[in-house]
C-alpha atoms as a PDB file:
ATOM      1  CA  MET A   1     -53.930 -54.405-126.769  1.00  0.00           C
ATOM      2  CA  LEU A   2     -55.822 -51.271-128.226  1.00  0.00           C
ATOM      3  CA  ALA A   3     -55.212 -51.250-131.401  1.00  0.00           C
ATOM      4  CA  VAL A   4     -53.318 -47.666-133.328  1.00  0.00           C
ATOM      5  CA  ARG A   5     -52.963 -46.490-136.039  1.00  0.00           C
ATOM      6  CA  PRO A   6     -51.073 -43.351-137.047  1.00  0.00           C
ATOM      7  CA  ASP A   7     -51.751 -40.215-139.906  1.00  0.00           C
ATOM      8  CA  GLY A   8     -50.093 -37.853-140.362  1.00  0.00           C
ATOM      9  CA  GLU A   9     -49.459 -35.781-136.648  1.00  0.00           C
ATOM     10  CA  ARG A  10     -52.520 -37.884-135.145  1.00  0.00           C
ATOM     11  CA  VAL A  11     -52.908 -41.057-134.191  1.00  0.00           C
ATOM     12  CA  SER A  12     -56.476 -42.810-134.461  1.00  0.00           C
ATOM     13  CA  PHE A  13     -57.885 -45.172-132.065  1.00  0.00           C
ATOM     14  CA  ALA A  14     -61.327 -47.251-131.697  1.00  0.00           C
ATOM     15  CA  VAL A  15     -63.739 -46.438-129.534  1.00  0.00           C
ATOM     16  CA  ARG A  16     -67.067 -48.813-128.103  1.00  0.00           C
ATOM     17  CA  VAL A  17     -69.427 -46.380-125.929  1.00  0.00           C
ATOM     18  CA  THR A  18     -71.752 -47.677-123.342  1.00  0.00           C
ATOM     19  CA  PRO A  19     -75.074 -44.312-123.403  1.00  0.00           C
ATOM     20  CA  ARG A  20     -76.678 -43.696-120.226  1.00  0.00           C
ATOM     21  CA  ALA A  21     -74.350 -45.482-118.274  1.00  0.00           C
ATOM     22  CA  ALA A  22     -74.892 -45.659-114.440  1.00  0.00           C
ATOM     23  CA  ALA A  23     -71.382 -43.170-114.470  1.00  0.00           C
ATOM     24  CA  ASN A  24     -69.016 -41.773-117.073  1.00  0.00           C
ATOM     25  CA  ALA A  25     -65.951 -43.510-117.254  1.00  0.00           C
ATOM     26  CA  LEU A  26     -62.855 -45.262-119.245  1.00  0.00           C
ATOM     27  CA  ALA A  27     -63.491 -49.512-118.570  1.00  0.00           C
ATOM     28  CA  GLY A  28     -60.014 -50.860-120.063  1.00  0.00           C
ATOM     29  CA  GLU A  29     -59.705 -52.022-123.903  1.00  0.00           C
ATOM     30  CA  ARG A  30     -61.232 -54.740-125.362  1.00  0.00           C
ATOM     31  CA  ASP A  31     -60.704 -56.196-128.777  1.00  0.00           C
ATOM     32  CA  GLY A  32     -58.486 -53.672-129.845  1.00  0.00           C
ATOM     33  CA  ALA A  33     -61.309 -50.549-129.096  1.00  0.00           C
ATOM     34  CA  LEU A  34     -61.226 -48.301-125.337  1.00  0.00           C
ATOM     35  CA  LEU A  35     -64.236 -49.233-123.652  1.00  0.00           C
ATOM     36  CA  VAL A  36     -66.008 -45.736-122.513  1.00  0.00           C
ATOM     37  CA  ARG A  37     -69.221 -45.143-120.709  1.00  0.00           C
ATOM     38  CA  VAL A  38     -70.833 -42.413-120.729  1.00  0.00           C
ATOM     39  CA  THR A  39     -74.591 -41.636-118.884  1.00  0.00           C
ATOM     40  CA  ALA A  40     -75.073 -38.814-121.097  1.00  0.00           C
ATOM     41  CA  PRO A  41     -77.891 -40.794-124.499  1.00  0.00           C
ATOM     42  CA  PRO A  42     -77.523 -41.208-127.232  1.00  0.00           C
ATOM     43  CA  VAL A  43     -79.167 -38.446-129.040  1.00  0.00           C
ATOM     44  CA  GLU A  44     -78.417 -35.369-130.580  1.00  0.00           C
ATOM     45  CA  GLY A  45     -75.038 -36.176-130.556  1.00  0.00           C
ATOM     46  CA  ARG A  46     -75.034 -35.420-126.780  1.00  0.00           C
ATOM     47  CA  ALA A  47     -73.248 -39.210-126.197  1.00  0.00           C
ATOM     48  CA  ASN A  48     -70.827 -38.339-128.724  1.00  0.00           C
ATOM     49  CA  ASP A  49     -69.636 -35.238-127.389  1.00  0.00           C
ATOM     50  CA  ALA A  50     -69.708 -37.060-123.316  1.00  0.00           C
ATOM     51  CA  VAL A  51     -66.871 -39.110-125.049  1.00  0.00           C
ATOM     52  CA  VAL A  52     -64.758 -36.103-126.266  1.00  0.00           C
ATOM     53  CA  ALA A  53     -64.990 -34.397-122.905  1.00  0.00           C
ATOM     54  CA  LEU A  54     -63.924 -37.558-121.284  1.00  0.00           C
ATOM     55  CA  LEU A  55     -60.979 -38.458-123.317  1.00  0.00           C
ATOM     56  CA  ALA A  56     -59.943 -35.060-123.316  1.00  0.00           C
ATOM     57  CA  LYS A  57     -60.230 -34.923-118.980  1.00  0.00           C
ATOM     58  CA  ALA A  58     -57.767 -38.802-119.422  1.00  0.00           C
ATOM     59  CA  LEU A  59     -55.858 -37.830-121.661  1.00  0.00           C
ATOM     60  CA  ASP A  60     -55.012 -33.821-120.360  1.00  0.00           C
ATOM     61  CA  LEU A  61     -55.321 -32.418-123.826  1.00  0.00           C
ATOM     62  CA  PRO A  62     -58.233 -29.609-124.345  1.00  0.00           C
ATOM     63  CA  GLN A  63     -61.753 -31.207-126.512  1.00  0.00           C
ATOM     64  CA  ARG A  64     -61.239 -28.947-129.542  1.00  0.00           C
ATOM     65  CA  VAL A  65     -58.317 -32.110-130.297  1.00  0.00           C
ATOM     66  CA  VAL A  66     -60.002 -35.409-130.331  1.00  0.00           C
ATOM     67  CA  ARG A  67     -62.560 -35.809-133.117  1.00  0.00           C
ATOM     68  CA  VAL A  68     -64.552 -38.342-133.651  1.00  0.00           C
ATOM     69  CA  GLU A  69     -63.562 -39.265-137.418  1.00  0.00           C
ATOM     70  CA  GLN A  70     -65.987 -42.303-137.979  1.00  0.00           C
ATOM     71  CA  GLY A  71     -69.719 -44.037-136.578  1.00  0.00           C
ATOM     72  CA  ALA A  72     -70.426 -40.626-135.080  1.00  0.00           C
ATOM     73  CA  ALA A  73     -74.237 -42.559-135.306  1.00  0.00           C
ATOM     74  CA  SER A  74     -73.063 -45.863-133.844  1.00  0.00           C
ATOM     75  CA  ARG A  75     -71.796 -46.876-130.686  1.00  0.00           C
ATOM     76  CA  THR A  76     -67.731 -48.029-131.942  1.00  0.00           C
ATOM     77  CA  LYS A  77     -66.328 -45.032-133.489  1.00  0.00           C
ATOM     78  CA  ARG A  78     -63.045 -43.590-135.217  1.00  0.00           C
ATOM     79  CA  VAL A  79     -61.547 -41.046-132.576  1.00  0.00           C
ATOM     80  CA  SER A  80     -58.376 -39.212-134.074  1.00  0.00           C
ATOM     81  CA  VAL A  81     -56.035 -37.440-130.807  1.00  0.00           C
ATOM     82  CA  PRO A  82     -52.464 -35.624-131.747  1.00  0.00           C
ATOM     83  CA  ARG A  83     -50.015 -38.493-132.177  1.00  0.00           C
ATOM     84  CA  ASP A  84     -47.970 -36.709-128.513  1.00  0.00           C
ATOM     85  CA  ALA A  85     -50.611 -38.328-127.070  1.00  0.00           C
ATOM     86  CA  VAL A  86     -49.795 -41.778-127.626  1.00  0.00           C
ATOM     87  CA  PRO A  87     -48.416 -42.644-124.364  1.00  0.00           C
ATOM     88  CA  ALA A  88     -51.120 -41.429-122.031  1.00  0.00           C
ATOM     89  CA  LEU A  89     -53.306 -43.318-124.524  1.00  0.00           C
ATOM     90  CA  ARG A  90     -51.558 -46.667-123.869  1.00  0.00           C
ATOM     91  CA  ARG A  91     -51.867 -45.931-119.667  1.00  0.00           C
ATOM     92  CA  LEU A  92     -56.376 -45.715-119.985  1.00  0.00           C
ATOM     93  CA  ALA A  93     -56.032 -48.893-122.361  1.00  0.00           C
ATOM     94  CA  LYS A  94     -55.054 -51.192-119.344  1.00  0.00           C
END
């Protein structure tokens, strides 16, 4: 199950990123983290930008409200979104 932590008006969760994948896709959940595959390389923040864009589209949110809070240079990141996105987030993790 996706581990979601409340933080005021936002919630945060772990994301495990696979850069340079064949396609941009959400690949379920493993060990409490959402698996995200992006075609972008892990250079100059391009993979992070792709993760934000993919999550924003999947959660039907503007990109400006999806934030990489920790792990910008790591495959495992902590991402935050507004609290009202939790139901959609839980559906993505299945």
